[in-house]
């Protein structure tokens, strides 16, 4: 299914988070924030983002004040890809045989669990 988008599953997850952030806060997230959200270390995340950048979906830019900080942005192609995702999500939901309410509840419970583990 993700082959139609030209993405691997980890790349798809990264794009999902970036699309979510774009919709809720148009500021530029950092690589560090994305890694925390996906629970991936920089050794795993950097090659993933490099590939998304090569695909023309994401841009990375070092912060002027602190070059260790790298900001992420979606390109026009990255934003446009979002429109092709709903059919993939619907097919995944059908394969999982779980309704939307159950998925929302599961996500909320997992978010709470992660929050408790971070204490």
Protein backbone atom coordinates (compact mmCIF):
# COMPACT_ATOMS: atom_id res chain seq x y z
CA UNK A 1 0.00 0.00 0.00
CA UNK A 2 2.71 2.46 0.92
CA UNK A 3 4.55 1.56 -2.28
CA UNK A 4 1.95 3.67 -4.08
CA UNK A 5 3.17 6.66 -2.06
CA UNK A 6 6.83 5.75 -2.53
CA UNK A 7 7.37 5.55 1.24
CA UNK A 8 8.54 2.99 3.74
CA UNK A 9 6.50 2.57 6.91
CA UNK A 10 8.94 4.61 9.09
CA UNK A 11 8.97 7.38 6.45
CA UNK A 12 5.16 7.31 6.40
CA UNK A 13 5.05 7.70 10.20
CA UNK A 14 7.44 10.66 10.04
CA UNK A 15 5.33 12.30 7.34
CA UNK A 16 2.15 11.70 9.36
CA UNK A 17 3.66 13.54 12.34
CA UNK A 18 4.89 16.39 10.13
CA UNK A 19 1.45 16.72 8.48
CA UNK A 20 -0.20 16.73 11.90
CA UNK A 21 2.17 19.43 13.15
CA UNK A 22 1.69 21.47 9.97
CA UNK A 23 -2.07 21.45 10.52
CA UNK A 24 -1.92 22.34 14.22
CA UNK A 25 1.16 24.60 14.39
CA UNK A 26 2.63 25.98 11.17
CA UNK A 27 5.98 26.64 12.89
CA UNK A 28 9.00 24.57 11.97
CA UNK A 29 9.50 21.50 14.17
CA UNK A 30 12.98 20.25 14.93
CA UNK A 31 14.61 16.92 14.21
CA UNK A 32 14.90 16.45 17.98
CA UNK A 33 11.15 16.97 18.50
CA UNK A 34 10.33 14.53 15.69
CA UNK A 35 12.70 11.95 17.16
CA UNK A 36 11.04 12.29 20.55
CA UNK A 37 7.58 11.95 19.05
CA UNK A 38 8.53 8.86 17.03
CA UNK A 39 10.81 7.51 19.77
CA UNK A 40 13.70 7.24 17.31
CA UNK A 41 17.31 8.18 17.93
CA UNK A 42 19.20 10.49 15.60
CA UNK A 43 21.14 7.58 14.10
CA UNK A 44 17.88 6.14 12.81
CA UNK A 45 16.07 9.39 12.08
CA UNK A 46 18.82 11.19 10.15
CA UNK A 47 19.00 8.70 7.23
CA UNK A 48 15.20 8.56 7.13
CA UNK A 49 14.97 12.35 6.84
CA UNK A 50 17.81 12.44 4.33
CA UNK A 51 15.82 10.07 2.10
CA UNK A 52 12.64 12.16 2.49
CA UNK A 53 14.69 15.20 1.52
CA UNK A 54 16.05 13.38 -1.55
CA UNK A 55 12.47 12.51 -2.49
CA UNK A 56 11.68 16.22 -2.36
CA UNK A 57 9.15 15.87 0.47
CA UNK A 58 11.01 17.48 3.37
CA UNK A 59 13.58 20.22 3.79
CA UNK A 60 16.07 20.48 6.63
CA UNK A 61 17.62 23.74 7.74
CA UNK A 62 20.12 24.42 10.51
CA UNK A 63 19.15 27.08 13.02
CA UNK A 64 21.15 30.30 12.76
CA UNK A 65 21.52 30.69 16.54
CA UNK A 66 22.50 27.08 17.22
CA UNK A 67 23.75 24.95 14.33
CA UNK A 68 23.11 21.78 16.34
CA UNK A 69 19.38 22.45 15.97
CA UNK A 70 17.87 21.39 12.66
CA UNK A 71 14.41 22.60 11.65
CA UNK A 72 12.12 20.61 9.38
CA UNK A 73 9.66 21.82 6.81
CA UNK A 74 7.39 20.20 4.28
CA UNK A 75 7.93 21.02 0.62
CA UNK A 76 5.06 21.57 -1.80
CA UNK A 77 5.43 17.93 -2.86
CA UNK A 78 5.35 16.84 0.79
CA UNK A 79 2.17 18.80 1.38
CA UNK A 80 0.60 17.48 -1.83
CA UNK A 81 1.35 13.88 -0.86
CA UNK A 82 -1.03 14.33 2.09
CA UNK A 83 -3.96 14.29 -0.33
CA UNK A 84 -3.06 10.78 -1.46
CA UNK A 85 -2.97 9.36 2.07
CA UNK A 86 -6.68 8.94 3.00
CA UNK A 87 -7.19 5.91 0.73
CA UNK A 88 -4.14 4.26 2.33
CA UNK A 89 -5.44 5.01 5.83
CA UNK A 90 -8.86 3.63 4.96
CA UNK A 91 -7.36 0.43 3.61
CA UNK A 92 -5.24 0.03 6.76
CA UNK A 93 -8.33 0.53 8.93
CA UNK A 94 -10.21 -2.13 6.94
CA UNK A 95 -7.33 -4.56 7.26
CA UNK A 96 -7.15 -3.98 11.02
CA UNK A 97 -10.91 -4.61 11.42
CA UNK A 98 -11.06 -1.82 14.03
CA UNK A 99 -13.41 1.14 13.90
CA UNK A 100 -12.25 4.75 14.17
CA UNK A 101 -13.49 5.16 17.76
CA UNK A 102 -11.43 2.18 18.90
CA UNK A 103 -8.35 3.56 17.17
CA UNK A 104 -8.80 6.94 18.85
CA UNK A 105 -9.22 5.26 22.23
CA UNK A 106 -6.13 3.12 21.63
CA UNK A 107 -4.08 6.16 20.69
CA UNK A 108 -5.22 8.07 23.79
CA UNK A 109 -4.31 5.12 26.01
CA UNK A 110 -0.92 4.73 24.37
CA UNK A 111 -0.25 8.47 24.74
CA UNK A 112 -1.10 8.21 28.47
CA UNK A 113 1.17 5.20 28.84
CA UNK A 114 4.05 7.02 27.14
CA UNK A 115 3.47 10.04 29.38
CA UNK A 116 3.62 7.84 32.49
CA UNK A 117 6.79 6.15 31.25
CA UNK A 118 8.48 9.53 30.73
CA UNK A 119 8.12 10.45 34.41
